[in-house]
Amino acid sequence: MPHTQPPAPHVSQKGTPLSVMTWLKLSSFNVSAMAAVVSIIHVSIKSLSNGEKILYYFLALFIWRYLRLCVNIVGFWTYKPAPIPQGNAKYYPGRDVTLVIPTVDPLGVDFHECITTCARNGPRKIIIVTAGDELYAKTLNAVAPVMQEFPLIKFLVTRTNIANKREQVAHVIQYINTPITVLVDDHVFWNSTELLKSLIAPFEDDQVGIVGTNKRVRRLAGLSVWRRFWNMLGCLYLDRHNFDLKATNAIDGGVFVISGRTVGIRTCILQNKEFQAGYLHEMFFFNLLGPLHPDDDNYITRFIVNQGWKIKIQYTKEAEIETTVGVGEPVHTKFLGQCRRWVRTTWRSNSSSLFTEGTVWATQPYCVYAVYLTSFTNFALFTDGALVYLFTKSSWYTDCAEPKYALAALLSWIVFSKTVKALRYFSTYPQDLWLFPAYVLFGYFHSFIKLWALFTFWDYSWSGRNLAAITAGGNDADEGKELTTEGLPCDEDIPELDLGPPLSPIRPGSVAIIA
């Protein structure tokens, strides 16, 4: 029980960012090591190609494309999650964890399940933050039944004046008085009542600043073939991410992003004024464009890397979350819009990591290759086409006794490489195997999406939800309202909560505590 647990330990309010000299030393060493590896590969394929340029280009492209897959397979299978402490834990969900759930759809079919599955994990507090008068009233009504079901959890409902996830999250930082905060999207479902215990386990290491989860997309039954195809693509989208995150985190501790669908983060990081300033006013392209509204999880991940905190992916069954992707109407338009937004984020964020901030050169040498540099060349249609073309022009094909078998071997490898990250899904749902060719074809079509995203990287609209259509409103100052179990307001001060001055330049909203 929370009242009998020892007090939470004190953790330094700052990470350990690298000094300029340390960064120079580490990055110089890592770049030198990369250059040595490239030199070894160059000498090896030069010897294999025996002076034949076409064969040399084929081997170079093949290794560039598939070396990371082979290494990632090793990383995937050698990964180890942080164990859940069996006793004397530093952190407990009911004492040390606050959940923050931004929403603009409190009456949506997913919202009730989201907050209910979260509440079953027994956090100390759940904060729901919405936007405007109308949504604020609807959110209060939506939360009331869940509050009655979980009377030991403190529920706080508040709002901002505009529908902007970054401003919504920044607004509630002042209401968080636990050492760990978990940010949760409003269409996420927690499958286990042990999720919080597993999620906070990595924080036993005082150097860990952020923890990611094991993400799945919910596969819905009874869909038409058309909707089933897009639902499958959504499922495979997160499965592919899981594979890469688990692998790279095991190899050098790096990741390309910690997804904001459900993420645990030390509250002291959120309270950092430097974090808040960048979070609310992130610019890009030489500070000419912005501030960004999407890409919030990428900003959080990069900030934590730059501040010297460790990152941990908690890939366990207990830490598994589900969400919905590829089922919203109109299904193809919404999913393709999300794909464009995600890829634009990749172009912006990966460029910042490599060329603007640069910390990854010193701290994540494998990810520099396997995540950041290869993301700029990962156009499946063009690279696979180039591989086949170069191979058929090389002596390995023209001088082969049975060239058709040699080409078949290359094509088989290409197909096999596309099954590795999809293996879990198709082994779980073998009834969808007949859709595998469509999955491969969409991967090739995605090359055009990625190319279009590069040419339109300046577009930072939030595809998928029409946030601009939400009318903002609200009072000029916070008003504390505590609701009884019957949902009736009483004029009392907010208990156990020191509001203090705002920690960020936000527009004030309204707040109600349901305790």
Protein backbone atom coordinates (compact mmCIF):
# COMPACT_ATOMS: atom_id res chain seq x y z
CA MET A 1 0.00 0.00 0.00
CA PRO A 2 1.24 3.52 -0.72
CA HIS A 3 1.20 4.62 2.93
CA THR A 4 3.49 1.80 4.08
CA GLN A 5 6.06 2.08 1.31
CA PRO A 6 9.38 3.86 1.96
CA PRO A 7 9.84 7.31 0.45
CA ALA A 8 10.98 7.52 -3.14
CA PRO A 9 14.73 8.03 -3.61
CA HIS A 10 16.17 11.35 -4.66
CA VAL A 11 17.43 11.37 -8.24
CA SER A 12 19.59 14.07 -9.78
CA GLN A 13 17.49 16.64 -11.62
CA LYS A 14 19.87 16.58 -14.56
CA GLY A 15 21.44 14.01 -16.82
CA THR A 16 25.11 13.98 -17.67
CA PRO A 17 25.48 15.77 -21.02
CA LEU A 18 28.82 15.44 -22.75
CA SER A 19 31.36 18.22 -22.55
CA VAL A 20 32.74 19.51 -25.83
CA MET A 21 36.06 17.73 -25.31
CA THR A 22 34.39 14.45 -24.37
CA TRP A 23 32.14 14.69 -27.41
CA LEU A 24 35.14 15.34 -29.65
CA LYS A 25 37.05 12.38 -28.24
CA LEU A 26 34.17 9.92 -28.43
CA SER A 27 32.88 11.01 -31.82
CA SER A 28 36.39 11.03 -33.29
CA PHE A 29 36.98 7.51 -32.01
CA ASN A 30 33.64 6.29 -33.34
CA VAL A 31 34.09 7.90 -36.75
CA SER A 32 37.58 6.39 -36.95
CA ALA A 33 36.17 2.98 -36.07
CA MET A 34 33.48 3.37 -38.74
CA ALA A 35 36.11 4.36 -41.27
CA ALA A 36 38.15 1.27 -40.37
CA VAL A 37 35.10 -0.97 -40.87
CA VAL A 38 34.36 0.68 -44.21
CA SER A 39 37.98 0.19 -45.25
CA ILE A 40 37.85 -3.50 -44.39
CA ILE A 41 34.61 -3.90 -46.34
CA HIS A 42 36.08 -1.97 -49.27
CA VAL A 43 39.16 -4.17 -49.42
CA SER A 44 37.07 -7.34 -49.14
CA ILE A 45 34.58 -6.51 -51.89
CA LYS A 46 37.35 -5.16 -54.11
CA SER A 47 39.03 -8.52 -53.81
CA LEU A 48 35.77 -10.36 -54.49
CA SER A 49 34.90 -8.21 -57.50
CA ASN A 50 38.38 -8.65 -58.97
CA GLY A 51 38.35 -5.17 -60.51
CA GLU A 52 34.85 -5.46 -61.95
CA LYS A 53 33.07 -2.16 -61.20
CA ILE A 54 29.52 -3.41 -61.66
CA LEU A 55 30.09 -6.30 -59.26
CA TYR A 56 31.80 -3.95 -56.81
CA TYR A 57 28.79 -1.62 -56.83
CA PHE A 58 26.43 -4.55 -56.36
CA LEU A 59 28.35 -5.90 -53.37
CA ALA A 60 28.68 -2.44 -51.80
CA LEU A 61 24.95 -1.75 -52.10
CA PHE A 62 24.07 -5.25 -50.86
CA ILE A 63 26.21 -4.86 -47.73
CA TRP A 64 24.97 -1.32 -47.07
CA ARG A 65 21.37 -2.50 -47.27
CA TYR A 66 21.58 -5.80 -45.43
CA LEU A 67 24.43 -5.60 -42.94
CA ARG A 68 22.19 -3.80 -40.47
CA LEU A 69 19.49 -6.47 -40.86
CA CYS A 70 21.95 -9.21 -39.96
CA VAL A 71 23.32 -7.28 -36.99
CA ASN A 72 19.81 -6.32 -35.86
CA ILE A 73 18.78 -9.97 -35.84
CA VAL A 74 21.61 -10.64 -33.39
CA GLY A 75 20.62 -7.62 -31.30
CA PHE A 76 16.97 -8.66 -31.29
CA TRP A 77 17.74 -12.09 -29.87
CA THR A 78 20.35 -10.93 -27.35
CA TYR A 79 18.14 -8.18 -25.89
CA LYS A 80 17.25 -8.43 -22.19
CA PRO A 81 14.50 -6.40 -20.48
CA ALA A 82 14.89 -4.88 -17.03
CA PRO A 83 13.53 -7.33 -14.43
CA ILE A 84 10.64 -6.32 -12.20
CA PRO A 85 12.04 -5.92 -8.65
CA GLN A 86 10.74 -8.59 -6.30
CA GLY A 87 11.33 -6.50 -3.19
CA ASN A 88 12.80 -3.20 -1.99
CA ALA A 89 11.90 -1.45 -5.23
CA LYS A 90 12.70 2.24 -5.55
CA TYR A 91 9.39 3.06 -7.21
CA TYR A 92 5.80 1.88 -6.81
CA PRO A 93 2.92 2.72 -9.19
CA GLY A 94 0.52 3.78 -6.43
CA ARG A 95 3.01 6.17 -4.88
CA ASP A 96 5.36 7.36 -7.61
CA VAL A 97 3.53 7.43 -10.96
CA THR A 98 1.27 10.02 -12.58
CA LEU A 99 -0.43 9.29 -15.90
CA VAL A 100 -1.01 12.14 -18.36
CA ILE A 101 -3.58 11.56 -21.11
CA PRO A 102 -4.10 14.39 -23.63
CA THR A 103 -7.39 14.04 -25.53
CA VAL A 104 -9.57 15.87 -28.02
CA ASP A 105 -11.99 12.95 -28.33
CA PRO A 106 -13.32 12.10 -24.84
CA LEU A 107 -16.50 10.57 -26.28
CA GLY A 108 -14.62 8.37 -28.75
CA VAL A 109 -15.00 4.62 -28.60
CA ASP A 110 -11.40 4.17 -27.46
CA PHE A 111 -11.20 6.75 -24.67
CA HIS A 112 -13.17 4.88 -22.00
CA GLU A 113 -11.21 1.66 -22.57
CA CYS A 114 -7.97 3.66 -22.50
CA ILE A 115 -8.47 5.26 -19.09
CA THR A 116 -10.06 2.10 -17.64
CA THR A 117 -7.14 -0.16 -18.58
CA CYS A 118 -4.73 2.48 -17.30
CA ALA A 119 -6.58 2.78 -13.99
CA ARG A 120 -6.44 -0.99 -13.45
CA ASN A 121 -2.68 -0.59 -13.03
CA GLY A 122 -3.20 1.54 -9.92
CA PRO A 123 -1.22 4.75 -10.52
CA ARG A 124 -1.25 7.50 -7.92
CA LYS A 125 -2.92 10.02 -10.22
CA ILE A 126 -4.40 10.22 -13.72
CA ILE A 127 -4.48 13.63 -15.40
CA ILE A 128 -6.67 14.07 -18.46
CA VAL A 129 -6.06 17.29 -20.38
CA THR A 130 -8.33 18.44 -23.19
CA ALA A 131 -9.03 21.72 -25.02
CA GLY A 132 -11.85 24.25 -24.82
CA ASP A 133 -15.09 24.58 -22.83
CA GLU A 134 -17.15 22.02 -24.70
CA LEU A 135 -14.56 19.24 -24.62
CA TYR A 136 -13.78 20.05 -20.99
CA ALA A 137 -17.41 19.42 -19.99
CA LYS A 138 -17.59 16.25 -22.08
CA THR A 139 -14.34 14.97 -20.56
CA LEU A 140 -15.63 15.49 -17.02
CA ASN A 141 -18.72 13.42 -17.85
CA ALA A 142 -16.64 10.73 -19.54
CA VAL A 143 -14.25 10.39 -16.60
CA ALA A 144 -16.91 10.33 -13.84
CA PRO A 145 -17.89 6.62 -14.27
CA VAL A 146 -14.25 5.54 -14.24
CA MET A 147 -13.63 7.59 -11.10
CA GLN A 148 -16.47 5.76 -9.37
CA GLU A 149 -14.98 2.41 -10.38
CA PHE A 150 -11.52 3.34 -9.06
CA PRO A 151 -12.08 5.51 -5.95
CA LEU A 152 -8.49 5.13 -4.67
CA ILE A 153 -7.01 6.89 -7.70
CA LYS A 154 -6.99 10.68 -7.94
CA PHE A 155 -8.35 11.90 -11.27
CA LEU A 156 -7.62 15.42 -12.45
CA VAL A 157 -9.28 16.93 -15.53
CA THR A 158 -7.93 20.15 -17.01
CA ARG A 159 -7.81 21.96 -20.33
CA THR A 160 -5.89 24.36 -22.51
CA ASN A 161 -7.30 26.95 -24.87
CA ILE A 162 -6.06 25.26 -28.04
CA ALA A 163 -5.91 21.66 -29.23
CA ASN A 164 -2.17 21.11 -29.30
CA LYS A 165 -0.63 18.05 -27.66
CA ARG A 166 2.57 19.86 -26.75
CA GLU A 167 0.71 22.68 -25.02
CA GLN A 168 -1.63 20.21 -23.34
CA VAL A 169 1.27 18.22 -21.88
CA ALA A 170 3.20 21.34 -20.88
CA HIS A 171 0.12 22.73 -19.15
CA VAL A 172 -0.16 19.80 -16.71
CA ILE A 173 3.50 19.61 -15.69
CA GLN A 174 2.70 21.97 -12.82
CA TYR A 175 0.20 19.42 -11.44
CA ILE A 176 2.63 16.47 -11.33
CA ASN A 177 4.16 15.71 -7.92
CA THR A 178 5.45 12.17 -8.51
CA PRO A 179 8.99 11.25 -9.65
CA ILE A 180 7.76 9.35 -12.72
CA THR A 181 5.29 10.50 -15.36
CA VAL A 182 3.74 8.25 -17.98
CA LEU A 183 2.45 9.95 -21.12
CA VAL A 184 -0.41 8.03 -22.76
CA ASP A 185 -2.28 8.62 -26.01
CA ASP A 186 -6.07 8.53 -25.70
CA HIS A 187 -6.47 5.58 -28.08
CA VAL A 188 -4.06 3.21 -26.32
CA PHE A 189 -5.07 0.12 -24.33
CA TRP A 190 -2.99 -1.56 -21.65
CA ASN A 191 -3.29 -5.34 -21.84
CA SER A 192 -1.85 -6.16 -18.41
CA THR A 193 -2.46 -4.98 -14.88
CA GLU A 194 1.29 -5.41 -14.41
CA LEU A 195 2.19 -2.90 -17.12
CA LEU A 196 3.19 -0.08 -14.79
CA LYS A 197 5.34 -2.39 -12.67
CA SER A 198 7.20 -3.51 -15.77
CA LEU A 199 7.39 0.00 -17.25
CA ILE A 200 8.98 1.57 -14.17
CA ALA A 201 11.41 -1.31 -13.56
CA PRO A 202 14.19 0.22 -15.71
CA PHE A 203 14.08 3.36 -13.53
CA GLU A 204 15.80 1.32 -10.82
CA ASP A 205 18.88 2.46 -12.77
CA ASP A 206 19.24 6.13 -11.82
CA GLN A 207 20.77 6.90 -15.24
CA VAL A 208 17.66 5.81 -17.16
CA GLY A 209 15.57 8.83 -18.10
CA ILE A 210 12.94 7.36 -20.40
CA VAL A 211 11.36 3.94 -20.99
CA GLY A 212 9.47 2.73 -24.06
CA THR A 213 6.95 -0.07 -24.31
CA ASN A 214 6.14 -3.10 -26.42
CA LYS A 215 3.65 -1.72 -28.97
CA ARG A 216 1.02 -3.59 -30.95
CA VAL A 217 -1.77 -2.55 -33.27
CA ARG A 218 -5.08 -4.21 -32.51
CA ARG A 219 -6.14 -6.54 -35.28
CA LEU A 220 -9.90 -6.29 -35.67
CA ALA A 221 -12.07 -9.20 -36.71
CA GLY A 222 -14.92 -9.12 -39.20
CA LEU A 223 -13.43 -6.47 -41.49
CA SER A 224 -13.92 -6.30 -45.22
CA VAL A 225 -10.94 -7.28 -47.36
CA TRP A 226 -10.20 -3.61 -48.03
CA ARG A 227 -10.23 -2.59 -44.38
CA ARG A 228 -8.42 -5.79 -43.37
CA PHE A 229 -5.55 -4.88 -45.69
CA TRP A 230 -5.06 -1.44 -44.10
CA ASN A 231 -5.42 -2.86 -40.59
CA MET A 232 -2.68 -5.38 -41.45
CA LEU A 233 -0.41 -2.58 -42.64
CA GLY A 234 -0.96 -0.78 -39.34
CA CYS A 235 -0.11 -3.93 -37.38
CA LEU A 236 3.07 -4.50 -39.36
CA TYR A 237 4.07 -0.86 -39.04
CA LEU A 238 4.47 -1.18 -35.27
CA ASP A 239 5.87 -4.72 -35.46
CA ARG A 240 8.68 -3.45 -37.66
CA HIS A 241 9.33 -0.62 -35.21
CA ASN A 242 9.42 -3.08 -32.30
CA PHE A 243 12.03 -5.18 -34.05
CA ASP A 244 14.34 -2.26 -34.78
CA LEU A 245 13.91 -0.61 -31.36
CA LYS A 246 14.58 -3.81 -29.47
CA ALA A 247 17.64 -4.58 -31.60
CA THR A 248 19.37 -1.19 -31.56
CA ASN A 249 18.62 -0.61 -27.88
CA ALA A 250 20.36 -3.90 -27.11
CA ILE A 251 23.41 -3.06 -29.24
CA ASP A 252 24.35 0.49 -28.25
CA GLY A 253 21.43 1.73 -26.15
CA GLY A 254 20.06 3.87 -28.97
CA VAL A 255 16.65 4.10 -30.64
CA PHE A 256 15.23 6.21 -33.45
CA VAL A 257 12.36 7.36 -31.19
CA ILE A 258 10.50 6.43 -28.03
CA SER A 259 6.88 6.41 -29.12
CA GLY A 260 4.56 8.75 -27.24
CA ARG A 261 1.73 6.19 -27.33
CA THR A 262 2.88 5.12 -23.86
CA VAL A 263 6.18 6.33 -22.47
CA GLY A 264 7.59 6.56 -18.96
CA ILE A 265 9.77 9.58 -18.21
CA ARG A 266 11.34 11.08 -15.12
CA THR A 267 9.29 14.08 -14.06
CA CYS A 268 12.43 16.12 -13.42
CA ILE A 269 13.08 16.02 -17.17
CA LEU A 270 9.65 17.43 -17.93
CA GLN A 271 10.20 20.12 -15.28
CA ASN A 272 13.46 21.23 -16.90
CA LYS A 273 12.84 24.74 -18.22
CA GLU A 274 15.19 24.16 -21.15
CA PHE A 275 13.11 21.12 -22.08
CA GLN A 276 9.86 23.08 -21.85
CA ALA A 277 11.15 25.98 -23.94
CA GLY A 278 12.22 23.65 -26.76
CA TYR A 279 9.14 21.46 -26.42
CA LEU A 280 6.78 24.39 -26.94
CA HIS A 281 8.84 26.29 -29.49
CA GLU A 282 10.75 23.69 -31.53
CA MET A 283 11.92 25.15 -34.84
CA PHE A 284 13.56 23.37 -37.78
CA PHE A 285 15.36 24.03 -41.07
CA PHE A 286 17.85 26.51 -39.65
CA ASN A 287 15.18 27.92 -37.30
CA LEU A 288 13.22 29.21 -40.27
CA LEU A 289 10.19 26.94 -39.90
CA GLY A 290 7.98 26.07 -36.95
CA PRO A 291 7.10 25.84 -34.19
CA LEU A 292 6.36 22.15 -34.66
CA HIS A 293 3.11 20.65 -33.43
CA PRO A 294 3.75 16.97 -34.27
CA ASP A 295 7.11 15.20 -33.68
CA ASP A 296 6.73 15.66 -29.90
CA ASP A 297 8.02 12.17 -29.07
CA ASN A 298 11.03 12.71 -31.34
CA TYR A 299 11.86 15.95 -29.54
CA ILE A 300 11.60 14.23 -26.14
CA THR A 301 13.85 11.38 -27.29
CA ARG A 302 16.50 13.70 -28.72
CA PHE A 303 16.46 15.97 -25.66
CA ILE A 304 17.03 13.01 -23.35
CA VAL A 305 19.88 11.72 -25.52
CA ASN A 306 21.50 15.16 -25.58
CA GLN A 307 21.16 15.48 -21.80
CA GLY A 308 23.06 12.24 -21.22
CA TRP A 309 20.24 10.04 -19.91
CA LYS A 310 20.02 6.36 -20.82
CA ILE A 311 17.11 4.99 -22.85
CA LYS A 312 15.49 1.63 -22.23
CA ILE A 313 12.97 -0.31 -24.28
CA GLN A 314 10.94 -2.57 -21.99
CA TYR A 315 9.98 -5.28 -24.47
CA THR A 316 7.96 -7.62 -22.26
CA LYS A 317 4.51 -9.17 -22.38
CA GLU A 318 3.56 -7.18 -19.27
CA ALA A 319 4.60 -3.89 -20.95
CA GLU A 320 2.56 -4.57 -24.08
CA ILE A 321 0.15 -1.88 -25.22
CA GLU A 322 -2.36 -1.96 -28.04
CA THR A 323 -3.56 0.87 -30.22
CA THR A 324 -5.61 1.34 -33.38
CA VAL A 325 -3.98 2.13 -36.72
CA GLY A 326 -5.39 1.56 -40.17
CA VAL A 327 -9.06 1.43 -39.18
CA GLY A 328 -10.13 5.09 -39.09
CA GLU A 329 -12.45 6.39 -41.77
CA PRO A 330 -11.76 7.01 -44.59
CA VAL A 331 -9.34 4.20 -43.95
CA HIS A 332 -6.90 4.59 -46.86
CA THR A 333 -6.87 8.39 -46.78
CA LYS A 334 -6.22 8.53 -43.04
CA PHE A 335 -3.51 5.85 -43.05
CA LEU A 336 -1.67 7.36 -46.01
CA GLY A 337 -1.86 10.78 -44.34
CA GLN A 338 -0.32 9.28 -41.21
CA CYS A 339 2.42 7.68 -43.32
CA ARG A 340 3.30 11.03 -44.86
CA ARG A 341 3.42 12.70 -41.43
CA TRP A 342 5.57 9.90 -39.95
CA VAL A 343 8.07 10.02 -42.83
CA ARG A 344 8.29 13.82 -42.75
CA THR A 345 9.07 13.46 -39.05
CA THR A 346 11.85 11.01 -39.90
CA TRP A 347 13.45 13.40 -42.37
CA ARG A 348 13.31 16.29 -39.89
CA SER A 349 14.29 14.47 -36.72
CA ASN A 350 17.06 12.28 -38.13
CA SER A 351 18.66 15.29 -39.80
CA SER A 352 18.59 17.12 -36.47
CA SER A 353 20.15 14.17 -34.64
CA LEU A 354 23.00 13.86 -37.12
CA PHE A 355 23.78 17.38 -38.27
CA THR A 356 22.33 19.85 -35.75
CA GLU A 357 22.76 18.19 -32.36
CA GLY A 358 25.31 15.46 -33.13
CA THR A 359 25.30 13.68 -29.76
CA VAL A 360 24.58 10.34 -31.43
CA TRP A 361 27.99 10.38 -33.13
CA ALA A 362 29.55 10.04 -29.68
CA THR A 363 27.00 7.89 -27.86
CA GLN A 364 25.24 5.72 -30.47
CA PRO A 365 27.75 4.75 -33.16
CA TYR A 366 25.79 1.75 -34.40
CA CYS A 367 22.57 3.77 -34.66
CA VAL A 368 24.40 6.39 -36.73
CA TYR A 369 24.64 3.73 -39.42
CA ALA A 370 21.67 1.47 -38.73
CA VAL A 371 19.09 4.18 -37.95
CA TYR A 372 20.11 7.61 -39.18
CA LEU A 373 22.32 7.28 -42.27
CA THR A 374 20.44 4.32 -43.74
CA SER A 375 17.11 6.13 -43.27
CA PHE A 376 18.21 8.55 -46.00
CA THR A 377 18.73 5.72 -48.50
CA ASN A 378 16.00 3.29 -47.48
CA PHE A 379 13.88 3.41 -50.65
CA ALA A 380 12.98 -0.25 -51.15
CA LEU A 381 11.75 0.12 -54.73
CA PHE A 382 14.91 1.87 -55.90
CA THR A 383 17.47 -0.13 -53.90
CA ASP A 384 15.94 -3.52 -54.70
CA GLY A 385 15.65 -2.53 -58.35
CA ALA A 386 19.26 -1.37 -58.39
CA LEU A 387 20.41 -4.62 -56.78
CA VAL A 388 18.65 -6.74 -59.39
CA TYR A 389 19.92 -4.55 -62.25
CA LEU A 390 23.53 -4.54 -61.05
CA PHE A 391 23.47 -8.27 -60.40
CA THR A 392 22.18 -9.11 -63.88
CA LYS A 393 24.93 -6.96 -65.40
CA SER A 394 27.68 -8.55 -63.30
CA SER A 395 29.80 -11.59 -64.08
CA TRP A 396 28.14 -13.46 -61.18
CA TYR A 397 25.07 -13.60 -63.42
CA THR A 398 26.41 -13.56 -66.97
CA ASP A 399 29.14 -16.17 -66.33
CA CYS A 400 26.90 -18.42 -64.23
CA ALA A 401 26.05 -21.82 -65.65
CA GLU A 402 22.44 -21.40 -64.54
CA PRO A 403 21.86 -17.63 -64.29
CA LYS A 404 18.15 -18.04 -63.61
CA TYR A 405 18.97 -19.91 -60.39
CA ALA A 406 21.44 -17.23 -59.36
CA LEU A 407 18.79 -14.54 -59.89
CA ALA A 408 16.24 -16.66 -58.03
CA ALA A 409 18.63 -16.86 -55.07
CA LEU A 410 18.94 -13.06 -54.95
CA LEU A 411 15.18 -12.59 -55.22
CA SER A 412 14.63 -15.19 -52.51
CA TRP A 413 16.97 -13.29 -50.20
CA ILE A 414 15.13 -10.04 -50.90
CA VAL A 415 11.80 -11.67 -50.07
CA PHE A 416 13.25 -13.35 -46.96
CA SER A 417 14.55 -10.01 -45.70
CA LYS A 418 10.99 -8.69 -45.83
CA THR A 419 9.63 -11.55 -43.71
CA VAL A 420 11.99 -11.12 -40.74
CA LYS A 421 10.21 -8.17 -39.13
CA ALA A 422 6.79 -9.47 -40.18
CA LEU A 423 7.32 -12.99 -38.81
CA ARG A 424 5.55 -12.41 -35.49
CA TYR A 425 2.43 -11.04 -37.13
CA PHE A 426 2.03 -13.72 -39.78
CA SER A 427 2.84 -16.52 -37.33
CA THR A 428 0.16 -15.15 -34.99
CA TYR A 429 -2.37 -14.56 -37.77
CA PRO A 430 -1.58 -17.13 -40.50
CA GLN A 431 -4.99 -16.42 -42.03
CA ASP A 432 -3.48 -13.19 -43.35
CA LEU A 433 -0.59 -14.86 -45.17
CA TRP A 434 -2.35 -14.42 -48.49
CA LEU A 435 -1.97 -10.65 -47.98
CA PHE A 436 1.82 -10.86 -47.79
CA PRO A 437 2.34 -9.98 -51.50
CA ALA A 438 0.18 -6.87 -50.97
CA TYR A 439 2.34 -5.97 -47.97
CA VAL A 440 5.48 -6.21 -50.12
CA LEU A 441 3.93 -4.13 -52.88
CA PHE A 442 2.91 -1.45 -50.40
CA GLY A 443 6.51 -1.38 -49.18
CA TYR A 444 7.57 -0.48 -52.70
CA PHE A 445 4.78 2.10 -53.02
CA HIS A 446 6.00 3.59 -49.73
CA SER A 447 9.19 4.64 -51.53
CA PHE A 448 7.13 7.25 -53.38
CA ILE A 449 5.55 8.37 -50.10
CA LYS A 450 9.02 8.80 -48.64
CA LEU A 451 10.22 10.74 -51.67
CA TRP A 452 7.16 13.00 -51.55
CA ALA A 453 7.72 13.53 -47.81
CA LEU A 454 11.28 14.67 -48.53
CA PHE A 455 10.04 17.26 -51.01
CA THR A 456 7.36 18.43 -48.56
CA PHE A 457 9.31 18.14 -45.30
CA TRP A 458 8.28 21.70 -44.46
CA ASP A 459 4.66 20.56 -44.01
CA TYR A 460 4.20 19.93 -40.29
CA SER A 461 0.42 19.65 -40.16
CA TRP A 462 -0.95 16.91 -37.90
CA SER A 463 -2.46 14.42 -40.34
CA GLY A 464 -5.12 12.13 -38.93
CA ARG A 465 -7.02 14.56 -36.68
CA ASN A 466 -8.51 17.92 -37.64
CA LEU A 467 -7.30 19.81 -34.58
CA ALA A 468 -7.95 23.18 -36.19
CA ALA A 469 -11.67 22.42 -36.23
CA ILE A 470 -11.80 22.26 -32.44
CA THR A 471 -13.03 25.55 -31.05
CA ALA A 472 -10.89 26.69 -28.15
CA GLY A 473 -12.25 28.43 -25.13
CA GLY A 474 -11.74 28.72 -21.41
CA ASN A 475 -11.36 30.95 -18.42
CA ASP A 476 -8.51 33.35 -17.81
CA ALA A 477 -7.19 31.42 -14.81
CA ASP A 478 -7.18 27.96 -13.28
CA GLU A 479 -10.17 27.17 -11.10
CA GLY A 480 -9.79 24.26 -8.70
CA LYS A 481 -12.92 22.10 -8.57
CA GLU A 482 -13.02 18.91 -6.58
CA LEU A 483 -15.80 16.50 -7.55
CA THR A 484 -17.48 14.17 -5.11
CA THR A 485 -18.19 10.55 -6.05
CA GLU A 486 -21.60 11.73 -7.25
CA GLY A 487 -19.88 14.14 -9.63
CA LEU A 488 -21.16 17.32 -7.92
CA PRO A 489 -18.68 20.18 -7.58
CA CYS A 490 -17.79 21.63 -4.21
CA ASP A 491 -15.76 24.82 -3.69
CA GLU A 492 -12.63 23.59 -1.97
CA ASP A 493 -8.96 24.09 -2.62
CA ILE A 494 -7.16 21.44 -4.62
CA PRO A 495 -5.81 18.99 -2.01
CA GLU A 496 -2.20 17.83 -1.80
CA LEU A 497 -1.25 19.98 -4.75
CA ASP A 498 1.04 23.00 -4.80
CA LEU A 499 0.09 24.87 -7.94
CA GLY A 500 2.89 27.45 -7.71
CA PRO A 501 3.82 29.58 -10.70
CA PRO A 502 3.45 28.11 -14.19
CA LEU A 503 6.59 26.34 -15.37
CA SER A 504 6.16 27.29 -19.00
CA PRO A 505 4.67 30.13 -21.03
CA ILE A 506 1.23 28.55 -21.41
CA ARG A 507 -2.22 29.86 -21.82
CA PRO A 508 -4.19 29.18 -18.65
CA GLY A 509 -7.06 26.75 -18.60
CA SER A 510 -9.40 25.20 -16.11
CA VAL A 511 -8.85 22.26 -13.81
CA ALA A 512 -11.02 19.93 -11.79
CA ILE A 513 -9.90 17.25 -9.39
CA ILE A 514 -11.95 14.14 -8.93
CA ALA A 515 -10.75 12.42 -5.78
